[in-house]
Amino acid sequence: MNPDLLRGNLDLILLTILEARPLYGFAIIQEAKERTGGLFDFKEGSLYPALHRLEQDGLLAAQQGEVGRNGKPRKYYAITDQGRQTLQTKRQEFNAFTGAVQRLTGNGA
């Protein structure tokens, strides 16, 4: 998959994954991979800066959680109320965009 497509929709993807429950970084990577049949395979180098940016923007809140195998506590990311509002807006924008592209390319109704 074209990495630019992922980058342009990364906020939507991450907020969607975290909508159901808080997760730590590796679990987010696994969830994205599982839910897309392996199509979305994030690397830590792109995931963590995005998570930190969303946290700084008030869309995610981080909290320390269970200890991992290495003895370090895991940082869990949870969507905030502001994040849920942003997710709703991003979904609407994405649906409008993909609908327009489908109509343009002849793949829509």
N, C-alpha and C. Protein backbone atom coordinates (compact mmCIF):
# COMPACT_ATOMS: atom_id res chain seq x y z
N MET A 1 0.84 -1.18 0.00
CA MET A 1 0.00 0.00 0.00
C MET A 1 0.88 1.24 0.00
N ASN A 2 0.42 2.24 -0.70
CA ASN A 2 1.13 3.50 -0.77
C ASN A 2 1.19 4.13 0.63
N PRO A 3 2.41 4.36 1.15
CA PRO A 3 2.53 4.93 2.50
C PRO A 3 1.89 6.30 2.65
N ASP A 4 1.80 7.06 1.56
CA ASP A 4 1.16 8.37 1.63
C ASP A 4 -0.32 8.26 1.98
N LEU A 5 -0.97 7.19 1.52
CA LEU A 5 -2.38 6.97 1.86
C LEU A 5 -2.53 6.72 3.35
N LEU A 6 -1.62 5.94 3.92
CA LEU A 6 -1.67 5.69 5.37
C LEU A 6 -1.39 6.97 6.14
N ARG A 7 -0.35 7.69 5.74
CA ARG A 7 0.03 8.92 6.45
C ARG A 7 -1.12 9.92 6.44
N GLY A 8 -1.79 10.05 5.31
CA GLY A 8 -2.88 11.02 5.19
C GLY A 8 -4.10 10.65 6.01
N ASN A 9 -4.18 9.41 6.43
CA ASN A 9 -5.35 8.95 7.19
C ASN A 9 -4.97 8.36 8.55
N LEU A 10 -3.76 8.62 8.99
CA LEU A 10 -3.25 8.00 10.21
C LEU A 10 -4.07 8.38 11.44
N ASP A 11 -4.46 9.63 11.56
CA ASP A 11 -5.25 10.04 12.73
C ASP A 11 -6.57 9.27 12.77
N LEU A 12 -7.25 9.20 11.63
CA LEU A 12 -8.51 8.46 11.54
C LEU A 12 -8.30 7.00 11.93
N ILE A 13 -7.26 6.39 11.44
CA ILE A 13 -6.97 4.98 11.71
C ILE A 13 -6.71 4.76 13.19
N LEU A 14 -5.83 5.57 13.78
CA LEU A 14 -5.46 5.39 15.19
C LEU A 14 -6.64 5.66 16.12
N LEU A 15 -7.38 6.73 15.85
CA LEU A 15 -8.54 7.03 16.69
C LEU A 15 -9.58 5.93 16.60
N THR A 16 -9.76 5.37 15.42
CA THR A 16 -10.71 4.27 15.24
C THR A 16 -10.28 3.05 16.03
N ILE A 17 -9.01 2.71 15.97
CA ILE A 17 -8.51 1.55 16.70
C ILE A 17 -8.68 1.73 18.21
N LEU A 18 -8.48 2.95 18.68
CA LEU A 18 -8.55 3.21 20.12
C LEU A 18 -9.96 3.55 20.60
N GLU A 19 -10.91 3.58 19.70
CA GLU A 19 -12.28 3.91 20.06
C GLU A 19 -12.87 2.91 21.06
N ALA A 20 -12.58 1.65 20.90
CA ALA A 20 -13.19 0.61 21.73
C ALA A 20 -12.54 0.49 23.11
N ARG A 21 -11.22 0.62 23.15
CA ARG A 21 -10.51 0.44 24.43
C ARG A 21 -9.08 0.97 24.33
N PRO A 22 -8.49 1.33 25.46
CA PRO A 22 -7.10 1.77 25.46
C PRO A 22 -6.17 0.61 25.09
N LEU A 23 -5.12 0.93 24.37
CA LEU A 23 -4.12 -0.06 23.97
C LEU A 23 -2.73 0.56 24.07
N TYR A 24 -1.72 -0.29 24.18
CA TYR A 24 -0.33 0.17 24.13
C TYR A 24 0.18 0.01 22.70
N GLY A 25 1.32 0.59 22.42
CA GLY A 25 1.83 0.69 21.06
C GLY A 25 1.84 -0.60 20.26
N PHE A 26 2.48 -1.65 20.77
CA PHE A 26 2.57 -2.89 20.02
C PHE A 26 1.18 -3.48 19.78
N ALA A 27 0.29 -3.35 20.75
CA ALA A 27 -1.08 -3.86 20.58
C ALA A 27 -1.82 -3.07 19.50
N ILE A 28 -1.53 -1.79 19.36
CA ILE A 28 -2.13 -0.98 18.30
C ILE A 28 -1.66 -1.49 16.94
N ILE A 29 -0.36 -1.77 16.83
CA ILE A 29 0.20 -2.31 15.59
C ILE A 29 -0.47 -3.64 15.24
N GLN A 30 -0.61 -4.51 16.23
CA GLN A 30 -1.22 -5.82 16.01
C GLN A 30 -2.70 -5.68 15.61
N GLU A 31 -3.40 -4.80 16.27
CA GLU A 31 -4.83 -4.59 15.98
C GLU A 31 -5.01 -4.08 14.55
N ALA A 32 -4.18 -3.13 14.14
CA ALA A 32 -4.27 -2.60 12.77
C ALA A 32 -3.99 -3.71 11.76
N LYS A 33 -2.99 -4.50 12.03
CA LYS A 33 -2.63 -5.59 11.12
C LYS A 33 -3.75 -6.62 11.04
N GLU A 34 -4.31 -6.97 12.19
CA GLU A 34 -5.36 -7.99 12.24
C GLU A 34 -6.63 -7.51 11.54
N ARG A 35 -7.04 -6.27 11.82
CA ARG A 35 -8.30 -5.76 11.28
C ARG A 35 -8.23 -5.47 9.79
N THR A 36 -7.02 -5.39 9.23
CA THR A 36 -6.88 -5.10 7.80
C THR A 36 -6.28 -6.28 7.04
N GLY A 37 -6.23 -7.43 7.65
CA GLY A 37 -5.67 -8.59 6.98
C GLY A 37 -4.20 -8.41 6.62
N GLY A 38 -3.48 -7.66 7.43
CA GLY A 38 -2.05 -7.44 7.22
C GLY A 38 -1.71 -6.28 6.32
N LEU A 39 -2.71 -5.59 5.79
CA LEU A 39 -2.46 -4.48 4.88
C LEU A 39 -1.83 -3.29 5.58
N PHE A 40 -2.26 -3.02 6.81
CA PHE A 40 -1.68 -1.93 7.59
C PHE A 40 -0.67 -2.52 8.56
N ASP A 41 0.59 -2.30 8.29
CA ASP A 41 1.67 -2.82 9.13
C ASP A 41 2.53 -1.64 9.57
N PHE A 42 2.12 -0.99 10.64
CA PHE A 42 2.82 0.20 11.11
C PHE A 42 4.17 -0.15 11.72
N LYS A 43 5.09 0.75 11.55
CA LYS A 43 6.40 0.64 12.18
C LYS A 43 6.41 1.57 13.39
N GLU A 44 7.15 1.17 14.42
CA GLU A 44 7.20 1.98 15.64
C GLU A 44 7.66 3.40 15.37
N GLY A 45 8.56 3.56 14.39
CA GLY A 45 9.11 4.87 14.07
C GLY A 45 8.07 5.86 13.55
N SER A 46 6.98 5.36 12.99
CA SER A 46 5.92 6.26 12.55
C SER A 46 4.75 6.28 13.52
N LEU A 47 4.57 5.18 14.26
CA LEU A 47 3.43 5.09 15.19
C LEU A 47 3.59 6.02 16.39
N TYR A 48 4.72 5.92 17.08
CA TYR A 48 4.86 6.67 18.34
C TYR A 48 4.85 8.19 18.16
N PRO A 49 5.50 8.74 17.13
CA PRO A 49 5.35 10.19 16.94
C PRO A 49 3.90 10.60 16.71
N ALA A 50 3.13 9.78 15.98
CA ALA A 50 1.72 10.09 15.74
C ALA A 50 0.93 10.02 17.04
N LEU A 51 1.18 9.01 17.87
CA LEU A 51 0.49 8.90 19.15
C LEU A 51 0.81 10.09 20.05
N HIS A 52 2.08 10.49 20.08
CA HIS A 52 2.47 11.63 20.92
C HIS A 52 1.83 12.92 20.42
N ARG A 53 1.75 13.07 19.10
CA ARG A 53 1.11 14.26 18.53
C ARG A 53 -0.37 14.30 18.89
N LEU A 54 -1.05 13.16 18.76
CA LEU A 54 -2.48 13.10 19.11
C LEU A 54 -2.68 13.38 20.60
N GLU A 55 -1.74 12.91 21.41
CA GLU A 55 -1.82 13.19 22.85
C GLU A 55 -1.64 14.69 23.11
N GLN A 56 -0.66 15.31 22.46
CA GLN A 56 -0.44 16.75 22.63
C GLN A 56 -1.63 17.57 22.16
N ASP A 57 -2.32 17.07 21.14
CA ASP A 57 -3.50 17.75 20.61
C ASP A 57 -4.75 17.52 21.45
N GLY A 58 -4.64 16.70 22.51
CA GLY A 58 -5.76 16.45 23.40
C GLY A 58 -6.73 15.39 22.90
N LEU A 59 -6.35 14.66 21.84
CA LEU A 59 -7.23 13.64 21.27
C LEU A 59 -7.04 12.28 21.93
N LEU A 60 -5.88 12.08 22.54
CA LEU A 60 -5.58 10.87 23.28
C LEU A 60 -5.04 11.25 24.65
N ALA A 61 -5.24 10.35 25.61
CA ALA A 61 -4.64 10.49 26.94
C ALA A 61 -3.83 9.23 27.19
N ALA A 62 -2.61 9.42 27.69
CA ALA A 62 -1.74 8.27 27.96
C ALA A 62 -1.73 8.00 29.45
N GLN A 63 -1.64 6.71 29.78
CA GLN A 63 -1.56 6.31 31.19
C GLN A 63 -0.68 5.07 31.28
N GLN A 64 0.03 4.96 32.40
CA GLN A 64 0.86 3.78 32.62
C GLN A 64 -0.04 2.60 32.95
N GLY A 65 0.32 1.46 32.42
CA GLY A 65 -0.47 0.26 32.65
C GLY A 65 0.39 -0.89 33.10
N GLU A 66 -0.02 -2.09 32.73
CA GLU A 66 0.66 -3.31 33.15
C GLU A 66 2.13 -3.29 32.74
N VAL A 67 2.91 -4.09 33.40
CA VAL A 67 4.33 -4.19 33.11
C VAL A 67 4.53 -5.23 32.01
N GLY A 68 5.35 -4.88 31.03
CA GLY A 68 5.65 -5.79 29.94
C GLY A 68 6.68 -6.82 30.34
N ARG A 69 7.02 -7.68 29.40
CA ARG A 69 8.00 -8.75 29.65
C ARG A 69 9.36 -8.22 30.06
N ASN A 70 9.68 -7.02 29.59
CA ASN A 70 10.99 -6.43 29.89
C ASN A 70 11.02 -5.72 31.25
N GLY A 71 9.92 -5.78 31.99
CA GLY A 71 9.88 -5.16 33.31
C GLY A 71 9.51 -3.69 33.29
N LYS A 72 9.34 -3.11 32.11
CA LYS A 72 8.96 -1.70 32.02
C LYS A 72 7.43 -1.59 31.95
N PRO A 73 6.89 -0.55 32.59
CA PRO A 73 5.43 -0.36 32.47
C PRO A 73 5.08 0.05 31.04
N ARG A 74 3.94 -0.42 30.60
CA ARG A 74 3.46 -0.08 29.26
C ARG A 74 2.64 1.20 29.33
N LYS A 75 2.75 1.99 28.28
CA LYS A 75 1.98 3.22 28.19
C LYS A 75 0.75 2.91 27.33
N TYR A 76 -0.41 3.08 27.91
CA TYR A 76 -1.67 2.85 27.21
C TYR A 76 -2.23 4.18 26.72
N TYR A 77 -2.79 4.15 25.53
CA TYR A 77 -3.38 5.33 24.94
C TYR A 77 -4.90 5.14 24.86
N ALA A 78 -5.63 6.15 25.34
CA ALA A 78 -7.09 6.11 25.34
C ALA A 78 -7.61 7.35 24.62
N ILE A 79 -8.69 7.17 23.89
CA ILE A 79 -9.29 8.29 23.18
C ILE A 79 -10.02 9.18 24.19
N THR A 80 -9.93 10.48 24.01
CA THR A 80 -10.60 11.44 24.88
C THR A 80 -11.94 11.83 24.26
N ASP A 81 -12.73 12.60 24.99
CA ASP A 81 -13.99 13.10 24.44
C ASP A 81 -13.73 13.95 23.20
N GLN A 82 -12.70 14.79 23.27
CA GLN A 82 -12.33 15.60 22.11
C GLN A 82 -11.89 14.70 20.95
N GLY A 83 -11.20 13.62 21.27
CA GLY A 83 -10.79 12.66 20.25
C GLY A 83 -11.99 12.00 19.59
N ARG A 84 -13.01 11.69 20.36
CA ARG A 84 -14.23 11.08 19.79
C ARG A 84 -14.94 12.05 18.84
N GLN A 85 -14.97 13.31 19.22
CA GLN A 85 -15.58 14.32 18.35
C GLN A 85 -14.79 14.46 17.05
N THR A 86 -13.47 14.48 17.19
CA THR A 86 -12.60 14.57 16.02
C THR A 86 -12.76 13.35 15.14
N LEU A 87 -12.87 12.17 15.75
CA LEU A 87 -13.06 10.93 14.99
C LEU A 87 -14.34 11.01 14.17
N GLN A 88 -15.40 11.49 14.75
CA GLN A 88 -16.68 11.61 14.03
C GLN A 88 -16.51 12.53 12.82
N THR A 89 -15.84 13.65 13.00
CA THR A 89 -15.60 14.59 11.91
C THR A 89 -14.73 13.96 10.83
N LYS A 90 -13.67 13.28 11.23
CA LYS A 90 -12.77 12.65 10.27
C LYS A 90 -13.47 11.55 9.49
N ARG A 91 -14.35 10.80 10.14
CA ARG A 91 -15.11 9.77 9.43
C ARG A 91 -16.01 10.40 8.36
N GLN A 92 -16.68 11.48 8.72
CA GLN A 92 -17.55 12.15 7.76
C GLN A 92 -16.74 12.67 6.56
N GLU A 93 -15.60 13.28 6.85
CA GLU A 93 -14.74 13.79 5.78
C GLU A 93 -14.24 12.66 4.89
N PHE A 94 -13.82 11.55 5.51
CA PHE A 94 -13.31 10.42 4.75
C PHE A 94 -14.40 9.81 3.88
N ASN A 95 -15.59 9.65 4.44
CA ASN A 95 -16.70 9.08 3.67
C ASN A 95 -17.07 9.98 2.49
N ALA A 96 -17.08 11.28 2.71
CA ALA A 96 -17.37 12.21 1.61
C ALA A 96 -16.28 12.13 0.54
N PHE A 97 -15.05 12.07 0.96
CA PHE A 97 -13.92 12.00 0.02
C PHE A 97 -13.95 10.71 -0.78
N THR A 98 -14.08 9.57 -0.09
CA THR A 98 -14.07 8.30 -0.81
C THR A 98 -15.29 8.17 -1.73
N GLY A 99 -16.42 8.70 -1.32
CA GLY A 99 -17.60 8.70 -2.18
C GLY A 99 -17.35 9.51 -3.45
N ALA A 100 -16.71 10.67 -3.31
CA ALA A 100 -16.41 11.51 -4.46
C ALA A 100 -15.41 10.82 -5.39
N VAL A 101 -14.41 10.18 -4.84
CA VAL A 101 -13.42 9.46 -5.66
C VAL A 101 -14.10 8.31 -6.40
N GLN A 102 -14.97 7.59 -5.71
CA GLN A 102 -15.67 6.49 -6.36
C GLN A 102 -16.56 6.98 -7.50
N ARG A 103 -17.24 8.09 -7.29
CA ARG A 103 -18.06 8.66 -8.37
C ARG A 103 -17.18 9.11 -9.54
N LEU A 104 -16.07 9.70 -9.22
CA LEU A 104 -15.15 10.20 -10.23
C LEU A 104 -14.57 9.07 -11.07
N THR A 105 -14.23 7.98 -10.42
CA THR A 105 -13.59 6.85 -11.13
C THR A 105 -14.60 5.88 -11.71
N GLY A 106 -15.88 6.13 -11.48
CA GLY A 106 -16.90 5.26 -12.03
C GLY A 106 -17.19 4.03 -11.20
N ASN A 107 -16.69 4.00 -9.96
CA ASN A 107 -16.92 2.86 -9.08
C ASN A 107 -18.01 3.11 -8.05
N GLY A 108 -18.67 4.25 -8.14
CA GLY A 108 -19.71 4.56 -7.16
C GLY A 108 -21.09 4.43 -7.76
N ALA A 109 -22.05 4.64 -6.92
CA ALA A 109 -23.45 4.53 -7.37
C ALA A 109 -23.86 5.73 -8.17
